[in-house]
Amino acid sequence: MRKNQCKKAKNSQNQNASSPPNDHNSSLAKEQNWMENEFDELTEVGFRRCVITNSSELKEHVLTQCKEAKNLEKQLEELLTRMTSLEKNINDLMELKNTAQELREAYTRINS
């Protein structure tokens, strides 16, 4: 909705700028000029509000993404730790297998 407000303000400014004053009387021209200046200030304020709002939304989005990245980094560290543990277990099992083979061969030689 905020983005629409910015667009509406811009459209209104374009419409206002394109319509020339009907009467060239000095008092009406002054009043028209005053209204345009006031509208420009309101548009500037509206624009600033839009920028501030969008900046705030962007900041929130960046903070959320940062938190998600930290969570993903933590999960990655946990997975790497588990993988290291699994690799160690596999190496231990391979050593046990080799030891069992050596024992079997030794037993076979003794029985022969």
PDB file of N, CA and C in Angstrom:
ATOM      1  N   MET A   1       0.827  -1.190   0.000  1.00  0.00           N
ATOM      2  CA  MET A   1       0.000   0.000   0.000  1.00  0.00           C
ATOM      3  C   MET A   1       0.870   1.252   0.000  1.00  0.00           C
ATOM      4  N   ARG A   2       1.992   1.210   0.698  1.00  0.00           N
ATOM      5  CA  ARG A   2       2.870   2.377   0.759  1.00  0.00           C
ATOM      6  C   ARG A   2       3.409   2.714  -0.619  1.00  0.00           C
ATOM      7  N   LYS A   3       3.728   1.707  -1.393  1.00  0.00           N
ATOM      8  CA  LYS A   3       4.237   1.950  -2.734  1.00  0.00           C
ATOM      9  C   LYS A   3       3.181   2.643  -3.581  1.00  0.00           C
ATOM     10  N   ASN A   4       1.905   2.249  -3.389  1.00  0.00           N
ATOM     11  CA  ASN A   4       0.815   2.886  -4.120  1.00  0.00           C
ATOM     12  C   ASN A   4       0.691   4.354  -3.738  1.00  0.00           C
ATOM     13  N   GLN A   5       0.914   4.665  -2.456  1.00  0.00           N
ATOM     14  CA  GLN A   5       0.845   6.057  -2.024  1.00  0.00           C
ATOM     15  C   GLN A   5       1.907   6.877  -2.731  1.00  0.00           C
ATOM     16  N   CYS A   6       3.103   6.316  -2.863  1.00  0.00           N
ATOM     17  CA  CYS A   6       4.172   7.024  -3.569  1.00  0.00           C
ATOM     18  C   CYS A   6       3.775   7.262  -5.019  1.00  0.00           C
ATOM     19  N   LYS A   7       3.195   6.253  -5.657  1.00  0.00           N
ATOM     20  CA  LYS A   7       2.783   6.383  -7.051  1.00  0.00           C
ATOM     21  C   LYS A   7       1.674   7.423  -7.192  1.00  0.00           C
ATOM     22  N   LYS A   8       0.704   7.399  -6.234  1.00  0.00           N
ATOM     23  CA  LYS A   8      -0.396   8.365  -6.286  1.00  0.00           C
ATOM     24  C   LYS A   8       0.141   9.784  -6.153  1.00  0.00           C
ATOM     25  N   ALA A   9       1.071   9.980  -5.238  1.00  0.00           N
ATOM     26  CA  ALA A   9       1.650  11.313  -5.053  1.00  0.00           C
ATOM     27  C   ALA A   9       2.346  11.763  -6.326  1.00  0.00           C
ATOM     28  N   LYS A  10       3.059  10.859  -6.975  1.00  0.00           N
ATOM     29  CA  LYS A  10       3.773  11.200  -8.202  1.00  0.00           C
ATOM     30  C   LYS A  10       2.774  11.532  -9.316  1.00  0.00           C
ATOM     31  N   ASN A  11       1.712  10.708  -9.446  1.00  0.00           N
ATOM     32  CA  ASN A  11       0.688  10.962 -10.469  1.00  0.00           C
ATOM     33  C   ASN A  11      -0.009  12.298 -10.232  1.00  0.00           C
ATOM     34  N   SER A  12      -0.321  12.582  -8.952  1.00  0.00           N
ATOM     35  CA  SER A  12      -0.971  13.848  -8.637  1.00  0.00           C
ATOM     36  C   SER A  12      -0.057  15.018  -8.975  1.00  0.00           C
ATOM     37  N   GLN A  13       1.210  14.869  -8.704  1.00  0.00           N
ATOM     38  CA  GLN A  13       2.163  15.940  -9.002  1.00  0.00           C
ATOM     39  C   GLN A  13       2.225  16.165 -10.514  1.00  0.00           C
ATOM     40  N   ASN A  14       2.249  15.096 -11.291  1.00  0.00           N
ATOM     41  CA  ASN A  14       2.294  15.231 -12.747  1.00  0.00           C
ATOM     42  C   ASN A  14       1.034  15.918 -13.271  1.00  0.00           C
ATOM     43  N   GLN A  15      -0.130  15.550 -12.734  1.00  0.00           N
ATOM     44  CA  GLN A  15      -1.375  16.167 -13.164  1.00  0.00           C
ATOM     45  C   GLN A  15      -1.399  17.642 -12.791  1.00  0.00           C
ATOM     46  N   ASN A  16      -0.930  17.950 -11.576  1.00  0.00           N
ATOM     47  CA  ASN A  16      -0.940  19.322 -11.099  1.00  0.00           C
ATOM     48  C   ASN A  16       0.029  20.181 -11.909  1.00  0.00           C
ATOM     49  N   ALA A  17       1.162  19.656 -12.250  1.00  0.00           N
ATOM     50  CA  ALA A  17       2.158  20.408 -12.998  1.00  0.00           C
ATOM     51  C   ALA A  17       1.706  20.644 -14.435  1.00  0.00           C
ATOM     52  N   SER A  18       0.904  19.747 -14.985  1.00  0.00           N
ATOM     53  CA  SER A  18       0.496  19.868 -16.382  1.00  0.00           C
ATOM     54  C   SER A  18      -0.680  20.815 -16.584  1.00  0.00           C
ATOM     55  N   SER A  19      -1.407  21.153 -15.503  1.00  0.00           N
ATOM     56  CA  SER A  19      -2.568  22.028 -15.674  1.00  0.00           C
ATOM     57  C   SER A  19      -2.172  23.474 -15.381  1.00  0.00           C
ATOM     58  N   PRO A  20      -2.142  24.331 -16.397  1.00  0.00           N
ATOM     59  CA  PRO A  20      -1.771  25.739 -16.199  1.00  0.00           C
ATOM     60  C   PRO A  20      -2.887  26.493 -15.502  1.00  0.00           C
ATOM     61  N   PRO A  21      -2.533  27.542 -14.792  1.00  0.00           N
ATOM     62  CA  PRO A  21      -3.583  28.330 -14.128  1.00  0.00           C
ATOM     63  C   PRO A  21      -4.500  28.976 -15.169  1.00  0.00           C
ATOM     64  N   ASN A  22      -5.808  28.984 -14.849  1.00  0.00           N
ATOM     65  CA  ASN A  22      -6.804  29.519 -15.785  1.00  0.00           C
ATOM     66  C   ASN A  22      -6.793  31.041 -15.827  1.00  0.00           C
ATOM     67  N   ASP A  23      -6.590  31.687 -14.684  1.00  0.00           N
ATOM     68  CA  ASP A  23      -6.667  33.139 -14.611  1.00  0.00           C
ATOM     69  C   ASP A  23      -5.275  33.694 -14.363  1.00  0.00           C
ATOM     70  N   HIS A  24      -4.919  34.760 -15.098  1.00  0.00           N
ATOM     71  CA  HIS A  24      -3.595  35.338 -14.956  1.00  0.00           C
ATOM     72  C   HIS A  24      -3.584  36.471 -13.938  1.00  0.00           C
ATOM     73  N   ASN A  25      -4.643  36.612 -13.193  1.00  0.00           N
ATOM     74  CA  ASN A  25      -4.713  37.618 -12.149  1.00  0.00           C
ATOM     75  C   ASN A  25      -3.610  37.352 -11.133  1.00  0.00           C
ATOM     76  N   SER A  26      -2.968  38.397 -10.657  1.00  0.00           N
ATOM     77  CA  SER A  26      -1.799  38.238  -9.786  1.00  0.00           C
ATOM     78  C   SER A  26      -2.140  37.513  -8.481  1.00  0.00           C
ATOM     79  N   SER A  27      -3.294  37.800  -7.882  1.00  0.00           N
ATOM     80  CA  SER A  27      -3.642  37.137  -6.619  1.00  0.00           C
ATOM     81  C   SER A  27      -3.891  35.647  -6.845  1.00  0.00           C
ATOM     82  N   LEU A  28      -4.561  35.326  -7.949  1.00  0.00           N
ATOM     83  CA  LEU A  28      -4.792  33.907  -8.239  1.00  0.00           C
ATOM     84  C   LEU A  28      -3.475  33.212  -8.586  1.00  0.00           C
ATOM     85  N   ALA A  29      -2.606  33.911  -9.296  1.00  0.00           N
ATOM     86  CA  ALA A  29      -1.313  33.331  -9.642  1.00  0.00           C
ATOM     87  C   ALA A  29      -0.500  33.075  -8.379  1.00  0.00           C
ATOM     88  N   LYS A  30      -0.542  34.035  -7.419  1.00  0.00           N
ATOM     89  CA  LYS A  30       0.159  33.841  -6.153  1.00  0.00           C
ATOM     90  C   LYS A  30      -0.418  32.652  -5.393  1.00  0.00           C
ATOM     91  N   GLU A  31      -1.766  32.571  -5.372  1.00  0.00           N
ATOM     92  CA  GLU A  31      -2.410  31.465  -4.672  1.00  0.00           C
ATOM     93  C   GLU A  31      -2.044  30.139  -5.337  1.00  0.00           C
ATOM     94  N   GLN A  32      -2.048  30.098  -6.668  1.00  0.00           N
ATOM     95  CA  GLN A  32      -1.676  28.889  -7.408  1.00  0.00           C
ATOM     96  C   GLN A  32      -0.225  28.515  -7.098  1.00  0.00           C
ATOM     97  N   ASN A  33       0.654  29.527  -7.118  1.00  0.00           N
ATOM     98  CA  ASN A  33       2.063  29.295  -6.834  1.00  0.00           C
ATOM     99  C   ASN A  33       2.240  28.766  -5.413  1.00  0.00           C
ATOM    100  N   TRP A  34       1.510  29.346  -4.458  1.00  0.00           N
ATOM    101  CA  TRP A  34       1.578  28.886  -3.071  1.00  0.00           C
ATOM    102  C   TRP A  34       1.111  27.450  -2.960  1.00  0.00           C
ATOM    103  N   MET A  35       0.014  27.118  -3.645  1.00  0.00           N
ATOM    104  CA  MET A  35      -0.512  25.749  -3.598  1.00  0.00           C
ATOM    105  C   MET A  35       0.485  24.762  -4.197  1.00  0.00           C
ATOM    106  N   GLU A  36       1.128  25.165  -5.304  1.00  0.00           N
ATOM    107  CA  GLU A  36       2.114  24.274  -5.920  1.00  0.00           C
ATOM    108  C   GLU A  36       3.300  24.072  -4.990  1.00  0.00           C
ATOM    109  N   ASN A  37       3.762  25.155  -4.337  1.00  0.00           N
ATOM    110  CA  ASN A  37       4.874  25.021  -3.397  1.00  0.00           C
ATOM    111  C   ASN A  37       4.495  24.125  -2.223  1.00  0.00           C
ATOM    112  N   GLU A  38       3.274  24.319  -1.713  1.00  0.00           N
ATOM    113  CA  GLU A  38       2.806  23.487  -0.606  1.00  0.00           C
ATOM    114  C   GLU A  38       2.716  22.031  -1.055  1.00  0.00           C
ATOM    115  N   PHE A  39       2.215  21.815  -2.268  1.00  0.00           N
ATOM    116  CA  PHE A  39       2.103  20.453  -2.784  1.00  0.00           C
ATOM    117  C   PHE A  39       3.485  19.825  -2.946  1.00  0.00           C
ATOM    118  N   ASP A  40       4.450  20.632  -3.430  1.00  0.00           N
ATOM    119  CA  ASP A  40       5.817  20.129  -3.567  1.00  0.00           C
ATOM    120  C   ASP A  40       6.378  19.707  -2.209  1.00  0.00           C
ATOM    121  N   GLU A  41       6.110  20.509  -1.174  1.00  0.00           N
ATOM    122  CA  GLU A  41       6.580  20.148   0.161  1.00  0.00           C
ATOM    123  C   GLU A  41       5.915  18.870   0.629  1.00  0.00           C
ATOM    124  N   LEU A  42       4.604  18.756   0.422  1.00  0.00           N
ATOM    125  CA  LEU A  42       3.900  17.541   0.825  1.00  0.00           C
ATOM    126  C   LEU A  42       4.439  16.341   0.049  1.00  0.00           C
ATOM    127  N   THR A  43       4.693  16.540  -1.232  1.00  0.00           N
ATOM    128  CA  THR A  43       5.229  15.461  -2.036  1.00  0.00           C
ATOM    129  C   THR A  43       6.607  15.069  -1.524  1.00  0.00           C
ATOM    130  N   GLU A  44       7.418  16.063  -1.163  1.00  0.00           N
ATOM    131  CA  GLU A  44       8.744  15.775  -0.630  1.00  0.00           C
ATOM    132  C   GLU A  44       8.633  15.013   0.679  1.00  0.00           C
ATOM    133  N   VAL A  45       7.705  15.443   1.544  1.00  0.00           N
ATOM    134  CA  VAL A  45       7.494  14.748   2.810  1.00  0.00           C
ATOM    135  C   VAL A  45       7.006  13.330   2.542  1.00  0.00           C
ATOM    136  N   GLY A  46       6.057  13.214   1.622  1.00  0.00           N
ATOM    137  CA  GLY A  46       5.559  11.881   1.265  1.00  0.00           C
ATOM    138  C   GLY A  46       6.657  11.009   0.705  1.00  0.00           C
ATOM    139  N   PHE A  47       7.479  11.611  -0.138  1.00  0.00           N
ATOM    140  CA  PHE A  47       8.593  10.870  -0.728  1.00  0.00           C
ATOM    141  C   PHE A  47       9.565  10.423   0.360  1.00  0.00           C
ATOM    142  N   ARG A  48       9.855  11.334   1.277  1.00  0.00           N
ATOM    143  CA  ARG A  48      10.767  10.980   2.375  1.00  0.00           C
ATOM    144  C   ARG A  48      10.185   9.853   3.217  1.00  0.00           C
ATOM    145  N   ARG A  49       8.881   9.927   3.466  1.00  0.00           N
ATOM    146  CA  ARG A  49       8.235   8.854   4.229  1.00  0.00           C
ATOM    147  C   ARG A  49       8.359   7.522   3.493  1.00  0.00           C
ATOM    148  N   CYS A  50       8.146   7.562   2.183  1.00  0.00           N
ATOM    149  CA  CYS A  50       8.280   6.336   1.383  1.00  0.00           C
ATOM    150  C   CYS A  50       9.698   5.801   1.459  1.00  0.00           C
ATOM    151  N   VAL A  51      10.668   6.685   1.358  1.00  0.00           N
ATOM    152  CA  VAL A  51      12.077   6.256   1.418  1.00  0.00           C
ATOM    153  C   VAL A  51      12.380   5.668   2.784  1.00  0.00           C
ATOM    154  N   ILE A  52      11.930   6.335   3.845  1.00  0.00           N
ATOM    155  CA  ILE A  52      12.177   5.845   5.201  1.00  0.00           C
ATOM    156  C   ILE A  52      11.502   4.493   5.403  1.00  0.00           C
ATOM    157  N   THR A  53      10.249   4.382   4.942  1.00  0.00           N
ATOM    158  CA  THR A  53       9.526   3.125   5.081  1.00  0.00           C
ATOM    159  C   THR A  53      10.227   2.015   4.316  1.00  0.00           C
ATOM    160  N   ASN A  54      10.598   2.304   3.065  1.00  0.00           N
ATOM    161  CA  ASN A  54      11.278   1.285   2.271  1.00  0.00           C
ATOM    162  C   ASN A  54      12.628   0.932   2.869  1.00  0.00           C
ATOM    163  N   SER A  55      13.323   1.920   3.426  1.00  0.00           N
ATOM    164  CA  SER A  55      14.605   1.644   4.078  1.00  0.00           C
ATOM    165  C   SER A  55      14.408   0.746   5.285  1.00  0.00           C
ATOM    166  N   SER A  56      13.358   1.023   6.047  1.00  0.00           N
ATOM    167  CA  SER A  56      13.070   0.206   7.227  1.00  0.00           C
ATOM    168  C   SER A  56      12.735  -1.224   6.816  1.00  0.00           C
ATOM    169  N   GLU A  57      11.919  -1.363   5.768  1.00  0.00           N
ATOM    170  CA  GLU A  57      11.563  -2.698   5.289  1.00  0.00           C
ATOM    171  C   GLU A  57      12.797  -3.428   4.776  1.00  0.00           C
ATOM    172  N   LEU A  58      13.663  -2.717   4.071  1.00  0.00           N
ATOM    173  CA  LEU A  58      14.889  -3.319   3.557  1.00  0.00           C
ATOM    174  C   LEU A  58      15.788  -3.745   4.715  1.00  0.00           C
ATOM    175  N   LYS A  59      15.887  -2.900   5.736  1.00  0.00           N
ATOM    176  CA  LYS A  59      16.708  -3.237   6.899  1.00  0.00           C
ATOM    177  C   LYS A  59      16.175  -4.496   7.574  1.00  0.00           C
ATOM    178  N   GLU A  60      14.857  -4.583   7.756  1.00  0.00           N
ATOM    179  CA  GLU A  60      14.250  -5.770   8.356  1.00  0.00           C
ATOM    180  C   GLU A  60      14.550  -7.009   7.515  1.00  0.00           C
ATOM    181  N   HIS A  61      14.436  -6.866   6.201  1.00  0.00           N
ATOM    182  CA  HIS A  61      14.700  -7.996   5.298  1.00  0.00           C
ATOM    183  C   HIS A  61      16.156  -8.449   5.417  1.00  0.00           C
ATOM    184  N   VAL A  62      17.079  -7.491   5.456  1.00  0.00           N
ATOM    185  CA  VAL A  62      18.510  -7.827   5.561  1.00  0.00           C
ATOM    186  C   VAL A  62      18.784  -8.509   6.896  1.00  0.00           C
ATOM    187  N   LEU A  63      18.210  -8.000   7.975  1.00  0.00           N
ATOM    188  CA  LEU A  63      18.405  -8.621   9.286  1.00  0.00           C
ATOM    189  C   LEU A  63      17.854 -10.039   9.318  1.00  0.00           C
ATOM    190  N   THR A  64      16.696 -10.241   8.706  1.00  0.00           N
ATOM    191  CA  THR A  64      16.113 -11.581   8.634  1.00  0.00           C
ATOM    192  C   THR A  64      17.023 -12.517   7.849  1.00  0.00           C
ATOM    193  N   GLN A  65      17.510 -12.035   6.698  1.00  0.00           N
ATOM    194  CA  GLN A  65      18.405 -12.857   5.875  1.00  0.00           C
ATOM    195  C   GLN A  65      19.693 -13.174   6.643  1.00  0.00           C
ATOM    196  N   CYS A  66      20.188 -12.218   7.413  1.00  0.00           N
ATOM    197  CA  CYS A  66      21.400 -12.426   8.208  1.00  0.00           C
ATOM    198  C   CYS A  66      21.165 -13.515   9.255  1.00  0.00           C
ATOM    199  N   LYS A  67      20.025 -13.454   9.930  1.00  0.00           N
ATOM    200  CA  LYS A  67      19.695 -14.471  10.933  1.00  0.00           C
ATOM    201  C   LYS A  67      19.581 -15.845  10.281  1.00  0.00           C
ATOM    202  N   GLU A  68      18.928 -15.898   9.113  1.00  0.00           N
ATOM    203  CA  GLU A  68      18.799 -17.165   8.409  1.00  0.00           C
ATOM    204  C   GLU A  68      20.167 -17.696   7.989  1.00  0.00           C
ATOM    205  N   ALA A  69      21.038 -16.816   7.543  1.00  0.00           N
ATOM    206  CA  ALA A  69      22.385 -17.228   7.138  1.00  0.00           C
ATOM    207  C   ALA A  69      23.151 -17.781   8.339  1.00  0.00           C
ATOM    208  N   LYS A  70      23.009 -17.139   9.494  1.00  0.00           N
ATOM    209  CA  LYS A  70      23.677 -17.631  10.696  1.00  0.00           C
ATOM    210  C   LYS A  70      23.148 -18.999  11.084  1.00  0.00           C
ATOM    211  N   ASN A  71      21.819 -19.188  10.979  1.00  0.00           N
ATOM    212  CA  ASN A  71      21.240 -20.496  11.284  1.00  0.00           C
ATOM    213  C   ASN A  71      21.750 -21.558  10.315  1.00  0.00           C
ATOM    214  N   LEU A  72      21.834 -21.207   9.041  1.00  0.00           N
ATOM    215  CA  LEU A  72      22.339 -22.155   8.048  1.00  0.00           C
ATOM    216  C   LEU A  72      23.808 -22.475   8.299  1.00  0.00           C
ATOM    217  N   GLU A  73      24.566 -21.474   8.701  1.00  0.00           N
ATOM    218  CA  GLU A  73      25.980 -21.691   9.009  1.00  0.00           C
ATOM    219  C   GLU A  73      26.123 -22.644  10.193  1.00  0.00           C
ATOM    220  N   LYS A  74      25.279 -22.465  11.194  1.00  0.00           N
ATOM    221  CA  LYS A  74      25.303 -23.348  12.364  1.00  0.00           C
ATOM    222  C   LYS A  74      24.943 -24.774  11.958  1.00  0.00           C
ATOM    223  N   GLN A  75      23.909 -24.927  11.124  1.00  0.00           N
ATOM    224  CA  GLN A  75      23.529 -26.254  10.648  1.00  0.00           C
ATOM    225  C   GLN A  75      24.650 -26.888   9.845  1.00  0.00           C
ATOM    226  N   LEU A  76      25.324 -26.102   9.016  1.00  0.00           N
ATOM    227  CA  LEU A  76      26.441 -26.613   8.227  1.00  0.00           C
ATOM    228  C   LEU A  76      27.568 -27.103   9.132  1.00  0.00           C
ATOM    229  N   GLU A  77      27.881 -26.335  10.168  1.00  0.00           N
ATOM    230  CA  GLU A  77      28.913 -26.751  11.119  1.00  0.00           C
ATOM    231  C   GLU A  77      28.532 -28.064  11.789  1.00  0.00           C
ATOM    232  N   GLU A  78      27.270 -28.200  12.176  1.00  0.00           N
ATOM    233  CA  GLU A  78      26.807 -29.438  12.810  1.00  0.00           C
ATOM    234  C   GLU A  78      26.933 -30.617  11.842  1.00  0.00           C
ATOM    235  N   LEU A  79      26.558 -30.401  10.582  1.00  0.00           N
ATOM    236  CA  LEU A  79      26.671 -31.474   9.586  1.00  0.00           C
ATOM    237  C   LEU A  79      28.127 -31.862   9.344  1.00  0.00           C
ATOM    238  N   LEU A  80      29.010 -30.872   9.296  1.00  0.00           N
ATOM    239  CA  LEU A  80      30.435 -31.167   9.109  1.00  0.00           C
ATOM    240  C   LEU A  80      30.991 -31.956  10.291  1.00  0.00           C
ATOM    241  N   THR A  81      30.553 -31.607  11.484  1.00  0.00           N
ATOM    242  CA  THR A  81      30.982 -32.345  12.677  1.00  0.00           C
ATOM    243  C   THR A  81      30.500 -33.791  12.608  1.00  0.00           C
ATOM    244  N   ARG A  82      29.247 -33.968  12.214  1.00  0.00           N
ATOM    245  CA  ARG A  82      28.708 -35.332  12.095  1.00  0.00           C
ATOM    246  C   ARG A  82      29.447 -36.123  11.017  1.00  0.00           C
ATOM    247  N   MET A  83      29.768 -35.458   9.892  1.00  0.00           N
ATOM    248  CA  MET A  83      30.497 -36.144   8.821  1.00  0.00           C
ATOM    249  C   MET A  83      31.887 -36.572   9.296  1.00  0.00           C
ATOM    250  N   THR A  84      32.548 -35.710  10.039  1.00  0.00           N
ATOM    251  CA  THR A  84      33.870 -36.045  10.577  1.00  0.00           C
ATOM    252  C   THR A  84      33.777 -37.242  11.511  1.00  0.00           C
ATOM    253  N   SER A  85      32.754 -37.249  12.330  1.00  0.00           N
ATOM    254  CA  SER A  85      32.537 -38.369  13.247  1.00  0.00           C
ATOM    255  C   SER A  85      32.262 -39.666  12.476  1.00  0.00           C
ATOM    256  N   LEU A  86      31.450 -39.570  11.435  1.00  0.00           N
ATOM    257  CA  LEU A  86      31.157 -40.757  10.618  1.00  0.00           C
ATOM    258  C   LEU A  86      32.406 -41.269   9.908  1.00  0.00           C
ATOM    259  N   GLU A  87      33.218 -40.352   9.398  1.00  0.00           N
ATOM    260  CA  GLU A  87      34.473 -40.770   8.744  1.00  0.00           C
ATOM    261  C   GLU A  87      35.378 -41.504   9.729  1.00  0.00           C
ATOM    262  N   LYS A  88      35.451 -40.991  10.963  1.00  0.00           N
ATOM    263  CA  LYS A  88      36.267 -41.647  11.991  1.00  0.00           C
ATOM    264  C   LYS A  88      35.719 -43.040  12.280  1.00  0.00           C
ATOM    265  N   ASN A  89      34.401 -43.159  12.400  1.00  0.00           N
ATOM    266  CA  ASN A  89      33.780 -44.465  12.656  1.00  0.00           C
ATOM    267  C   ASN A  89      34.060 -45.442  11.510  1.00  0.00           C
ATOM    268  N   ILE A  90      33.997 -44.959  10.280  1.00  0.00           N
ATOM    269  CA  ILE A  90      34.281 -45.818   9.113  1.00  0.00           C
ATOM    270  C   ILE A  90      35.729 -46.293   9.157  1.00  0.00           C
ATOM    271  N   ASN A  91      36.648 -45.381   9.472  1.00  0.00           N
ATOM    272  CA  ASN A  91      38.069 -45.762   9.574  1.00  0.00           C
ATOM    273  C   ASN A  91      38.278 -46.812  10.673  1.00  0.00           C
ATOM    274  N   ASP A  92      37.614 -46.614  11.812  1.00  0.00           N
ATOM    275  CA  ASP A  92      37.713 -47.593  12.907  1.00  0.00           C
ATOM    276  C   ASP A  92      37.182 -48.957  12.463  1.00  0.00           C
ATOM    277  N   LEU A  93      36.055 -48.955  11.746  1.00  0.00           N
ATOM    278  CA  LEU A  93      35.481 -50.225  11.263  1.00  0.00           C
ATOM    279  C   LEU A  93      36.413 -50.910  10.256  1.00  0.00           C
ATOM    280  N   MET A  94      37.055 -50.127   9.391  1.00  0.00           N
ATOM    281  CA  MET A  94      37.997 -50.698   8.419  1.00  0.00           C
ATOM    282  C   MET A  94      39.186 -51.344   9.145  1.00  0.00           C
ATOM    283  N   GLU A  95      39.657 -50.685  10.198  1.00  0.00           N
ATOM    284  CA  GLU A  95      40.754 -51.261  10.982  1.00  0.00           C
ATOM    285  C   GLU A  95      40.323 -52.561  11.640  1.00  0.00           C
ATOM    286  N   LEU A  96      39.110 -52.591  12.181  1.00  0.00           N
ATOM    287  CA  LEU A  96      38.595 -53.818  12.791  1.00  0.00           C
ATOM    288  C   LEU A  96      38.468 -54.938  11.764  1.00  0.00           C
ATOM    289  N   LYS A  97      38.014 -54.588  10.562  1.00  0.00           N
ATOM    290  CA  LYS A  97      37.890 -55.587   9.498  1.00  0.00           C
ATOM    291  C   LYS A  97      39.262 -56.159   9.151  1.00  0.00           C
ATOM    292  N   ASN A  98      40.256 -55.266   8.993  1.00  0.00           N
ATOM    293  CA  ASN A  98      41.613 -55.718   8.676  1.00  0.00           C
ATOM    294  C   ASN A  98      42.171 -56.605   9.797  1.00  0.00           C
ATOM    295  N   THR A  99      41.930 -56.209  11.041  1.00  0.00           N
ATOM    296  CA  THR A  99      42.402 -57.002  12.179  1.00  0.00           C
ATOM    297  C   THR A  99      41.723 -58.369  12.180  1.00  0.00           C
ATOM    298  N   ALA A 100      40.427 -58.407  11.914  1.00  0.00           N
ATOM    299  CA  ALA A 100      39.700 -59.684  11.864  1.00  0.00           C
ATOM    300  C   ALA A 100      40.256 -60.571  10.761  1.00  0.00           C
ATOM    301  N   GLN A 101      40.561 -60.002   9.604  1.00  0.00           N
ATOM    302  CA  GLN A 101      41.150 -60.776   8.498  1.00  0.00           C
ATOM    303  C   GLN A 101      42.507 -61.353   8.900  1.00  0.00           C
ATOM    304  N   GLU A 102      43.336 -60.545   9.539  1.00  0.00           N
ATOM    305  CA  GLU A 102      44.648 -61.013   9.987  1.00  0.00           C
ATOM    306  C   GLU A 102      44.513 -62.146  10.995  1.00  0.00           C
ATOM    307  N   LEU A 103      43.554 -62.006  11.923  1.00  0.00           N
ATOM    308  CA  LEU A 103      43.326 -63.067  12.906  1.00  0.00           C
ATOM    309  C   LEU A 103      42.859 -64.359  12.230  1.00  0.00           C
ATOM    310  N   ARG A 104      41.981 -64.229  11.271  1.00  0.00           N
ATOM    311  CA  ARG A 104      41.487 -65.412  10.546  1.00  0.00           C
ATOM    312  C   ARG A 104      42.645 -66.114   9.804  1.00  0.00           C
ATOM    313  N   GLU A 105      43.464 -65.313   9.134  1.00  0.00           N
ATOM    314  CA  GLU A 105      44.614 -65.882   8.425  1.00  0.00           C
ATOM    315  C   GLU A 105      45.582 -66.578   9.389  1.00  0.00           C
ATOM    316  N   ALA A 106      45.808 -65.919  10.528  1.00  0.00           N
ATOM    317  CA  ALA A 106      46.691 -66.526  11.542  1.00  0.00           C
ATOM    318  C   ALA A 106      46.092 -67.813  12.070  1.00  0.00           C
ATOM    319  N   TYR A 107      44.822 -67.866  12.328  1.00  0.00           N
ATOM    320  CA  TYR A 107      44.137 -69.054  12.813  1.00  0.00           C
ATOM    321  C   TYR A 107      44.222 -70.173  11.781  1.00  0.00           C
ATOM    322  N   THR A 108      44.019 -69.810  10.496  1.00  0.00           N
ATOM    323  CA  THR A 108      44.099 -70.802   9.425  1.00  0.00           C
ATOM    324  C   THR A 108      45.508 -71.374   9.352  1.00  0.00           C
ATOM    325  N   ARG A 109      46.546 -70.566   9.485  1.00  0.00           N
ATOM    326  CA  ARG A 109      47.933 -71.038   9.439  1.00  0.00           C
ATOM    327  C   ARG A 109      48.232 -71.949  10.625  1.00  0.00           C
ATOM    328  N   ILE A 110      47.707 -71.619  11.780  1.00  0.00           N
ATOM    329  CA  ILE A 110      47.948 -72.432  12.982  1.00  0.00           C
ATOM    330  C   ILE A 110      47.312 -73.804  12.815  1.00  0.00           C
ATOM    331  N   ASN A 111      46.102 -73.845  12.257  1.00  0.00           N
ATOM    332  CA  ASN A 111      45.375 -75.098  12.109  1.00  0.00           C
ATOM    333  C   ASN A 111      45.954 -75.957  10.978  1.00  0.00           C
ATOM    334  N   SER A 112      46.689 -75.390  10.082  1.00  0.00           N
ATOM    335  CA  SER A 112      47.230 -76.169   8.971  1.00  0.00           C
ATOM    336  C   SER A 112      48.453 -76.926   9.312  1.00  0.00           C
TER     337      SER A 112
END
